[in-house]
Protein backbone atom coordinates (compact mmCIF):
# COMPACT_ATOMS: atom_id res chain seq x y z
CA ARG A 1 -45.31 -31.01 8.78
CA VAL A 2 -48.20 -31.42 11.13
CA LEU A 3 -49.25 -27.80 10.76
CA LEU A 4 -52.29 -27.20 8.64
CA GLN A 5 -51.07 -26.33 5.20
CA GLY A 6 -52.61 -23.94 2.78
CA ASP A 7 -53.69 -20.36 2.51
CA ASP A 8 -57.13 -20.66 4.04
CA VAL A 9 -58.39 -19.15 7.27
CA PHE A 10 -57.90 -22.41 9.21
CA SER A 11 -54.27 -22.83 8.18
CA ARG A 12 -53.42 -19.18 8.75
CA THR A 13 -55.04 -19.18 12.19
CA SER A 14 -53.13 -22.30 13.23
CA GLN A 15 -49.82 -21.00 11.92
CA GLU A 16 -50.27 -17.56 13.50
CA TYR A 17 -51.12 -19.02 16.90
CA ILE A 18 -48.14 -21.37 16.87
CA ALA A 19 -45.76 -18.59 15.83
CA GLU A 20 -47.11 -16.06 18.33
CA VAL A 21 -47.67 -18.25 21.37
CA CYS A 22 -45.71 -21.46 21.12
CA PHE A 23 -42.49 -20.30 19.51
CA SER A 24 -42.28 -17.16 21.61
CA SER A 25 -42.07 -19.28 24.76
CA TYR A 26 -38.71 -20.60 23.57
CA ALA A 27 -37.21 -17.13 24.02
CA ARG A 28 -38.06 -17.04 27.72
CA PRO A 29 -35.23 -17.40 30.23
CA GLY A 30 -34.88 -20.34 32.58
CA PHE A 31 -34.57 -23.29 30.23
CA SER A 32 -32.25 -24.06 27.36
CA LEU A 33 -33.66 -25.30 24.05
CA ARG A 34 -32.37 -28.73 25.02
CA ASP A 35 -34.29 -28.65 28.32
CA ARG A 36 -37.45 -27.49 26.57
CA SER A 37 -37.09 -30.30 24.04
CA LEU A 38 -36.87 -32.86 26.83
CA MET A 39 -39.99 -31.41 28.46
CA ASN A 40 -41.85 -31.40 25.14
CA ILE A 41 -41.04 -35.07 24.54
CA ALA A 42 -42.33 -36.02 28.00
CA MET A 43 -45.55 -34.02 27.65
CA LEU A 44 -46.29 -35.28 24.14
CA ILE A 45 -45.79 -38.89 25.24
CA ALA A 46 -48.17 -38.32 28.15
CA LEU A 47 -50.74 -36.74 25.85
CA ASN A 48 -50.35 -39.47 23.20
CA ARG A 49 -49.64 -36.96 20.43
CA ALA A 50 -47.61 -39.05 17.98
CA PRO A 51 -47.48 -36.60 15.03
CA GLU A 52 -46.22 -33.77 17.26
CA LEU A 53 -43.85 -36.17 19.04
CA ARG A 54 -42.19 -36.94 15.70
CA LEU A 55 -41.53 -33.25 15.10
CA HIS A 56 -40.22 -32.66 18.59
CA ILE A 57 -37.93 -35.71 18.61
CA ARG A 58 -36.35 -34.43 15.42
CA ALA A 59 -36.03 -30.94 16.92
CA ALA A 60 -34.54 -32.43 20.11
CA LEU A 61 -31.68 -33.90 18.10
CA TYR A 62 -30.91 -30.43 16.78
CA ASN A 63 -31.31 -28.91 20.24
CA GLY A 64 -28.61 -31.09 21.75
CA LEU A 65 -30.29 -34.24 23.01
CA THR A 66 -28.56 -37.48 22.08
CA GLU A 67 -30.27 -40.61 20.83
CA GLU A 68 -29.54 -42.21 24.19
CA GLN A 69 -31.15 -39.34 26.11
CA ILE A 70 -34.24 -39.43 23.91
CA CYS A 71 -34.43 -43.20 24.38
CA GLU A 72 -34.14 -42.82 28.16
CA ALA A 73 -36.88 -40.16 28.19
CA CYS A 74 -39.18 -42.55 26.32
CA ARG A 75 -38.30 -45.41 28.65
CA HIS A 76 -38.83 -43.27 31.73
CA ALA A 77 -42.24 -42.23 30.40
CA MET A 78 -43.33 -45.86 30.69
CA VAL A 79 -43.33 -45.47 34.48
CA TYR A 80 -45.65 -42.45 34.54
CA CYS A 81 -47.54 -42.67 31.24
CA GLY A 82 -47.84 -46.44 30.87
CA VAL A 83 -45.92 -49.02 28.92
CA PRO A 84 -47.97 -48.62 25.71
CA ALA A 85 -47.27 -44.88 25.58
CA GLY A 86 -43.57 -45.35 26.25
CA ARG A 87 -43.31 -48.22 23.78
CA ASP A 88 -45.04 -46.17 21.07
CA ALA A 89 -42.64 -43.30 21.80
CA LEU A 90 -39.62 -45.61 21.50
CA MET A 91 -40.84 -46.83 18.11
CA ILE A 92 -41.47 -43.26 16.93
CA ALA A 93 -38.04 -42.16 18.14
CA GLN A 94 -36.41 -45.11 16.40
CA GLU A 95 -38.12 -44.17 13.11
CA VAL A 96 -37.26 -40.47 13.39
CA VAL A 97 -33.59 -41.09 14.23
CA ALA A 98 -33.31 -43.55 11.34
CA GLN A 99 -34.86 -40.99 8.95
CA VAL A 100 -32.51 -38.26 10.12
CA LYS A 101 -29.49 -40.55 9.69
CA LYS A 102 -30.66 -41.76 6.28
CA SER A 103 -31.10 -38.18 5.07
CA GLY A 104 -27.54 -37.38 6.07
CA GLU A 105 -28.77 -34.55 8.31
CA VAL A 106 -27.31 -35.94 11.50
CA PRO A 107 -27.06 -32.88 13.73
CA LYS A 108 -23.95 -32.12 15.68
CA ALA A 109 -24.54 -32.21 19.41
CA LYS A 110 -24.60 -28.76 21.02
CA VAL A 111 -22.48 -28.26 24.06
C-alpha cells in the first residue's frame, strides 16, 4: 500500500486523515463508486500520482469499471493532461490489470 505503514505518529496521522476525510466522501450521494473511481483515475493522471493511480485502478476494477473503460480514460487523459501522462497511465493500468488477472482476483463487473 501507499499509505505510511507503522505505528508512529506520522503513519497514524496519515491513516486517520484518509479514513476520516477521503473515505467518508464515498458515502455522499450523487455519484456511484464506479463514477468516483473514474473521476479519481482522471485526477490522479492529471496530478502525475503514479503510486495512488495504481491503487485506484485496482479499486476501479472492483467498483465496476472494465479494462476497456479504464483504457479509454487513460487515452482521453492524453488530450487534457498530455501524451506522457496518458501513456504512463496506460502502462500503469496494463501492469495493474495483469497483476489482478495473475492473482486470480479478477473482479466481477457490478451492474
